[in-house]
Amino acid sequence: MTGNTVTRADLTEAVYRSLGISRNESSAFVERILEEVAASLQDGQTVKISSFGTFSIRDKKLRMGRNPKTGEEVPIAPRRVVTFRASHVLKDRINDGHRRADAAE
């Protein structure tokens, strides 16, 4: 894994190493999963990945914002946003790793 960001290439490499399938098959596998998640969200469905978390769509209404440079009020158009809620399993795993890092210092 490179740096602090996990990329599609990193996911593909992890699948390749874990499953032992070709890199092309690994790439297609990762792409297919991401496409399915995106398509489900686009259709307004909730995507729940057990022991990881839940992705869902939230509709935001029209609201007034402010241009920080001019102070002028500007309408912000209604839109749909993706939200993620981590499962308790993921939260526990993250917090356990953080506690271990703190104890090592």
N, C-alpha and C. Protein backbone atom coordinates (compact mmCIF):
# COMPACT_ATOMS: atom_id res chain seq x y z
N MET A 1 0.84 -1.17 0.00
CA MET A 1 0.00 0.00 0.00
C MET A 1 0.90 1.24 0.00
N THR A 2 0.51 2.22 -0.81
CA THR A 2 1.34 3.40 -0.95
C THR A 2 0.83 4.54 -0.09
N GLY A 3 1.73 5.23 0.58
CA GLY A 3 1.38 6.43 1.33
C GLY A 3 0.26 6.22 2.33
N ASN A 4 -0.57 7.24 2.48
CA ASN A 4 -1.69 7.19 3.42
C ASN A 4 -3.03 6.95 2.73
N THR A 5 -3.02 6.76 1.41
CA THR A 5 -4.25 6.56 0.65
C THR A 5 -4.22 5.20 -0.02
N VAL A 6 -5.31 4.46 0.10
CA VAL A 6 -5.43 3.18 -0.58
C VAL A 6 -6.11 3.44 -1.92
N THR A 7 -5.46 3.03 -2.99
CA THR A 7 -5.98 3.26 -4.34
C THR A 7 -6.57 1.98 -4.93
N ARG A 8 -7.19 2.12 -6.09
CA ARG A 8 -7.69 0.94 -6.81
C ARG A 8 -6.54 -0.03 -7.08
N ALA A 9 -5.40 0.51 -7.45
CA ALA A 9 -4.23 -0.34 -7.72
C ALA A 9 -3.83 -1.11 -6.48
N ASP A 10 -3.88 -0.46 -5.31
CA ASP A 10 -3.55 -1.14 -4.06
C ASP A 10 -4.55 -2.27 -3.77
N LEU A 11 -5.83 -1.99 -3.99
CA LEU A 11 -6.86 -3.02 -3.78
C LEU A 11 -6.65 -4.19 -4.73
N THR A 12 -6.35 -3.87 -5.99
CA THR A 12 -6.10 -4.91 -6.99
C THR A 12 -4.92 -5.78 -6.58
N GLU A 13 -3.85 -5.14 -6.11
CA GLU A 13 -2.66 -5.87 -5.67
C GLU A 13 -2.97 -6.76 -4.48
N ALA A 14 -3.78 -6.27 -3.55
CA ALA A 14 -4.15 -7.07 -2.38
C ALA A 14 -4.97 -8.28 -2.79
N VAL A 15 -5.90 -8.11 -3.73
CA VAL A 15 -6.70 -9.25 -4.21
C VAL A 15 -5.79 -10.23 -4.93
N TYR A 16 -4.88 -9.73 -5.75
CA TYR A 16 -3.94 -10.57 -6.47
C TYR A 16 -3.12 -11.43 -5.50
N ARG A 17 -2.60 -10.82 -4.45
CA ARG A 17 -1.79 -11.56 -3.49
C ARG A 17 -2.61 -12.53 -2.65
N SER A 18 -3.81 -12.13 -2.28
CA SER A 18 -4.65 -12.98 -1.41
C SER A 18 -5.24 -14.17 -2.14
N LEU A 19 -5.72 -13.94 -3.36
CA LEU A 19 -6.44 -15.00 -4.08
C LEU A 19 -5.57 -15.75 -5.08
N GLY A 20 -4.46 -15.14 -5.47
CA GLY A 20 -3.57 -15.82 -6.41
C GLY A 20 -4.09 -15.84 -7.84
N ILE A 21 -5.08 -15.00 -8.14
CA ILE A 21 -5.56 -14.91 -9.52
C ILE A 21 -4.72 -13.87 -10.25
N SER A 22 -4.84 -13.80 -11.57
CA SER A 22 -4.00 -12.87 -12.33
C SER A 22 -4.32 -11.43 -11.95
N ARG A 23 -3.38 -10.55 -12.28
CA ARG A 23 -3.59 -9.12 -11.99
C ARG A 23 -4.77 -8.58 -12.80
N ASN A 24 -4.94 -9.04 -14.02
CA ASN A 24 -6.08 -8.59 -14.84
C ASN A 24 -7.39 -9.04 -14.22
N GLU A 25 -7.45 -10.28 -13.76
CA GLU A 25 -8.67 -10.76 -13.10
C GLU A 25 -8.91 -10.01 -11.79
N SER A 26 -7.84 -9.74 -11.06
CA SER A 26 -7.96 -8.99 -9.80
C SER A 26 -8.50 -7.59 -10.06
N SER A 27 -7.98 -6.95 -11.10
CA SER A 27 -8.43 -5.61 -11.45
C SER A 27 -9.91 -5.63 -11.85
N ALA A 28 -10.29 -6.61 -12.64
CA ALA A 28 -11.69 -6.72 -13.07
C ALA A 28 -12.60 -6.98 -11.86
N PHE A 29 -12.13 -7.77 -10.94
CA PHE A 29 -12.88 -8.09 -9.72
C PHE A 29 -13.13 -6.83 -8.89
N VAL A 30 -12.08 -6.06 -8.65
CA VAL A 30 -12.19 -4.82 -7.88
C VAL A 30 -13.11 -3.83 -8.59
N GLU A 31 -12.93 -3.67 -9.90
CA GLU A 31 -13.76 -2.74 -10.67
C GLU A 31 -15.23 -3.14 -10.62
N ARG A 32 -15.51 -4.43 -10.71
CA ARG A 32 -16.89 -4.91 -10.70
C ARG A 32 -17.55 -4.62 -9.36
N ILE A 33 -16.83 -4.82 -8.28
CA ILE A 33 -17.38 -4.53 -6.95
C ILE A 33 -17.69 -3.04 -6.82
N LEU A 34 -16.74 -2.19 -7.21
CA LEU A 34 -16.94 -0.75 -7.11
C LEU A 34 -18.10 -0.28 -8.01
N GLU A 35 -18.21 -0.87 -9.20
CA GLU A 35 -19.32 -0.53 -10.09
C GLU A 35 -20.66 -0.91 -9.48
N GLU A 36 -20.71 -2.07 -8.86
CA GLU A 36 -21.96 -2.52 -8.24
C GLU A 36 -22.36 -1.62 -7.08
N VAL A 37 -21.41 -1.23 -6.26
CA VAL A 37 -21.68 -0.33 -5.14
C VAL A 37 -22.20 1.01 -5.69
N ALA A 38 -21.50 1.57 -6.68
CA ALA A 38 -21.90 2.86 -7.26
C ALA A 38 -23.28 2.79 -7.91
N ALA A 39 -23.55 1.71 -8.64
CA ALA A 39 -24.85 1.57 -9.31
C ALA A 39 -25.98 1.45 -8.29
N SER A 40 -25.74 0.71 -7.22
CA SER A 40 -26.76 0.57 -6.18
C SER A 40 -27.04 1.91 -5.51
N LEU A 41 -26.00 2.66 -5.21
CA LEU A 41 -26.18 3.98 -4.61
C LEU A 41 -26.89 4.93 -5.57
N GLN A 42 -26.54 4.85 -6.84
CA GLN A 42 -27.17 5.70 -7.85
C GLN A 42 -28.67 5.41 -7.93
N ASP A 43 -29.05 4.15 -7.72
CA ASP A 43 -30.47 3.77 -7.72
C ASP A 43 -31.17 4.10 -6.41
N GLY A 44 -30.43 4.67 -5.46
CA GLY A 44 -31.03 5.06 -4.20
C GLY A 44 -31.04 3.96 -3.15
N GLN A 45 -30.36 2.86 -3.42
CA GLN A 45 -30.31 1.75 -2.47
C GLN A 45 -29.21 1.99 -1.43
N THR A 46 -29.37 1.36 -0.29
CA THR A 46 -28.35 1.37 0.75
C THR A 46 -27.45 0.17 0.54
N VAL A 47 -26.15 0.36 0.70
CA VAL A 47 -25.18 -0.73 0.55
C VAL A 47 -24.59 -1.03 1.92
N LYS A 48 -24.86 -2.22 2.42
CA LYS A 48 -24.35 -2.63 3.73
C LYS A 48 -23.32 -3.73 3.53
N ILE A 49 -22.12 -3.50 4.02
CA ILE A 49 -21.05 -4.49 3.95
C ILE A 49 -20.82 -4.94 5.39
N SER A 50 -21.18 -6.17 5.66
CA SER A 50 -21.12 -6.72 7.01
C SER A 50 -19.74 -6.54 7.61
N SER A 51 -19.69 -6.14 8.87
CA SER A 51 -18.46 -5.92 9.63
C SER A 51 -17.61 -4.78 9.09
N PHE A 52 -18.16 -3.99 8.17
CA PHE A 52 -17.42 -2.85 7.63
C PHE A 52 -18.22 -1.57 7.81
N GLY A 53 -19.41 -1.51 7.20
CA GLY A 53 -20.21 -0.31 7.35
C GLY A 53 -21.32 -0.23 6.32
N THR A 54 -22.02 0.90 6.33
CA THR A 54 -23.16 1.11 5.46
C THR A 54 -23.01 2.41 4.69
N PHE A 55 -23.16 2.32 3.38
CA PHE A 55 -23.18 3.48 2.51
C PHE A 55 -24.64 3.77 2.19
N SER A 56 -25.03 5.03 2.26
CA SER A 56 -26.40 5.38 1.91
C SER A 56 -26.42 6.76 1.25
N ILE A 57 -27.56 7.06 0.64
CA ILE A 57 -27.76 8.33 -0.05
C ILE A 57 -28.63 9.21 0.81
N ARG A 58 -28.27 10.49 0.88
CA ARG A 58 -29.09 11.46 1.62
C ARG A 58 -29.38 12.62 0.69
N ASP A 59 -30.63 13.02 0.64
CA ASP A 59 -31.01 14.17 -0.18
C ASP A 59 -30.87 15.44 0.65
N LYS A 60 -30.16 16.40 0.09
CA LYS A 60 -30.00 17.70 0.76
C LYS A 60 -30.88 18.71 0.04
N LYS A 61 -31.53 19.54 0.80
CA LYS A 61 -32.44 20.53 0.25
C LYS A 61 -31.68 21.79 -0.17
N LEU A 62 -32.38 22.64 -0.91
CA LEU A 62 -31.84 23.94 -1.27
C LEU A 62 -31.55 24.72 0.01
N ARG A 63 -30.41 25.36 0.07
CA ARG A 63 -30.09 26.19 1.23
C ARG A 63 -29.25 27.37 0.79
N MET A 64 -29.17 28.34 1.66
CA MET A 64 -28.38 29.53 1.36
C MET A 64 -26.99 29.38 1.96
N GLY A 65 -26.00 29.68 1.17
CA GLY A 65 -24.62 29.68 1.64
C GLY A 65 -24.05 31.08 1.50
N ARG A 66 -22.79 31.24 1.80
CA ARG A 66 -22.18 32.56 1.73
C ARG A 66 -20.83 32.43 1.03
N ASN A 67 -20.59 33.30 0.05
CA ASN A 67 -19.30 33.36 -0.62
C ASN A 67 -18.29 33.92 0.38
N PRO A 68 -17.26 33.16 0.74
CA PRO A 68 -16.34 33.63 1.77
C PRO A 68 -15.55 34.89 1.37
N LYS A 69 -15.33 35.09 0.07
CA LYS A 69 -14.57 36.27 -0.37
C LYS A 69 -15.41 37.54 -0.29
N THR A 70 -16.64 37.45 -0.80
CA THR A 70 -17.45 38.66 -0.92
C THR A 70 -18.49 38.80 0.19
N GLY A 71 -18.80 37.69 0.86
CA GLY A 71 -19.84 37.72 1.87
C GLY A 71 -21.23 37.65 1.28
N GLU A 72 -21.32 37.58 -0.04
CA GLU A 72 -22.61 37.53 -0.74
C GLU A 72 -23.30 36.19 -0.49
N GLU A 73 -24.61 36.25 -0.25
CA GLU A 73 -25.38 35.01 -0.08
C GLU A 73 -25.60 34.37 -1.44
N VAL A 74 -25.41 33.05 -1.48
CA VAL A 74 -25.53 32.30 -2.73
C VAL A 74 -26.36 31.05 -2.46
N PRO A 75 -27.35 30.75 -3.33
CA PRO A 75 -28.12 29.53 -3.12
C PRO A 75 -27.29 28.29 -3.46
N ILE A 76 -27.39 27.28 -2.62
CA ILE A 76 -26.72 26.00 -2.87
C ILE A 76 -27.81 25.04 -3.32
N ALA A 77 -27.65 24.51 -4.52
CA ALA A 77 -28.68 23.68 -5.16
C ALA A 77 -28.93 22.39 -4.38
N PRO A 78 -30.15 21.87 -4.48
CA PRO A 78 -30.42 20.57 -3.86
C PRO A 78 -29.55 19.50 -4.52
N ARG A 79 -29.14 18.52 -3.73
CA ARG A 79 -28.28 17.48 -4.28
C ARG A 79 -28.37 16.23 -3.42
N ARG A 80 -27.82 15.16 -3.96
CA ARG A 80 -27.74 13.90 -3.23
C ARG A 80 -26.29 13.70 -2.81
N VAL A 81 -26.08 13.25 -1.58
CA VAL A 81 -24.73 12.99 -1.09
C VAL A 81 -24.65 11.56 -0.55
N VAL A 82 -23.47 10.99 -0.62
CA VAL A 82 -23.23 9.66 -0.08
C VAL A 82 -22.76 9.81 1.35
N THR A 83 -23.35 9.02 2.24
CA THR A 83 -22.90 9.00 3.63
C THR A 83 -22.40 7.60 3.95
N PHE A 84 -21.48 7.53 4.89
CA PHE A 84 -20.94 6.24 5.33
C PHE A 84 -21.02 6.18 6.84
N ARG A 85 -21.53 5.08 7.32
CA ARG A 85 -21.58 4.85 8.76
C ARG A 85 -20.81 3.56 9.04
N ALA A 86 -19.72 3.68 9.77
CA ALA A 86 -18.87 2.53 10.07
C ALA A 86 -19.58 1.58 11.04
N SER A 87 -19.37 0.30 10.86
CA SER A 87 -19.94 -0.70 11.78
C SER A 87 -19.17 -0.67 13.09
N HIS A 88 -19.77 -1.21 14.13
CA HIS A 88 -19.08 -1.25 15.43
C HIS A 88 -17.84 -2.13 15.34
N VAL A 89 -17.85 -3.13 14.48
CA VAL A 89 -16.68 -4.01 14.31
C VAL A 89 -15.50 -3.20 13.76
N LEU A 90 -15.76 -2.37 12.75
CA LEU A 90 -14.71 -1.54 12.17
C LEU A 90 -14.23 -0.50 13.18
N LYS A 91 -15.17 0.12 13.88
CA LYS A 91 -14.79 1.12 14.90
C LYS A 91 -13.91 0.49 15.97
N ASP A 92 -14.30 -0.69 16.43
CA ASP A 92 -13.50 -1.37 17.46
C ASP A 92 -12.11 -1.70 16.94
N ARG A 93 -12.03 -2.16 15.70
CA ARG A 93 -10.73 -2.52 15.11
C ARG A 93 -9.82 -1.29 15.01
N ILE A 94 -10.40 -0.17 14.59
CA ILE A 94 -9.63 1.06 14.46
C ILE A 94 -9.16 1.54 15.83
N ASN A 95 -10.07 1.52 16.81
CA ASN A 95 -9.72 1.99 18.15
C ASN A 95 -8.72 1.08 18.84
N ASP A 96 -8.82 -0.24 18.63
CA ASP A 96 -7.84 -1.16 19.21
C ASP A 96 -6.45 -0.89 18.66
N GLY A 97 -6.35 -0.63 17.37
CA GLY A 97 -5.06 -0.32 16.76
C GLY A 97 -4.50 0.98 17.28
N HIS A 98 -5.36 1.95 17.50
CA HIS A 98 -4.95 3.25 18.03
C HIS A 98 -4.45 3.10 19.48
N ARG A 99 -5.16 2.29 20.26
CA ARG A 99 -4.75 2.07 21.66
C ARG A 99 -3.39 1.38 21.73
N ARG A 100 -3.17 0.41 20.83
CA ARG A 100 -1.89 -0.30 20.82
C ARG A 100 -0.75 0.65 20.44
N ALA A 101 -1.00 1.55 19.50
CA ALA A 101 0.02 2.52 19.08
C ALA A 101 0.34 3.47 20.24
N ASP A 102 -0.68 3.88 20.98
CA ASP A 102 -0.46 4.77 22.13
C ASP A 102 0.33 4.06 23.22
N ALA A 103 0.05 2.79 23.44
CA ALA A 103 0.74 2.02 24.50
C ALA A 103 2.22 1.82 24.14
N ALA A 104 2.52 1.74 22.85
CA ALA A 104 3.89 1.51 22.42
C ALA A 104 4.77 2.75 22.60
N GLU A 105 4.16 3.92 22.72
CA GLU A 105 4.94 5.17 22.82
C GLU A 105 5.53 5.37 24.18
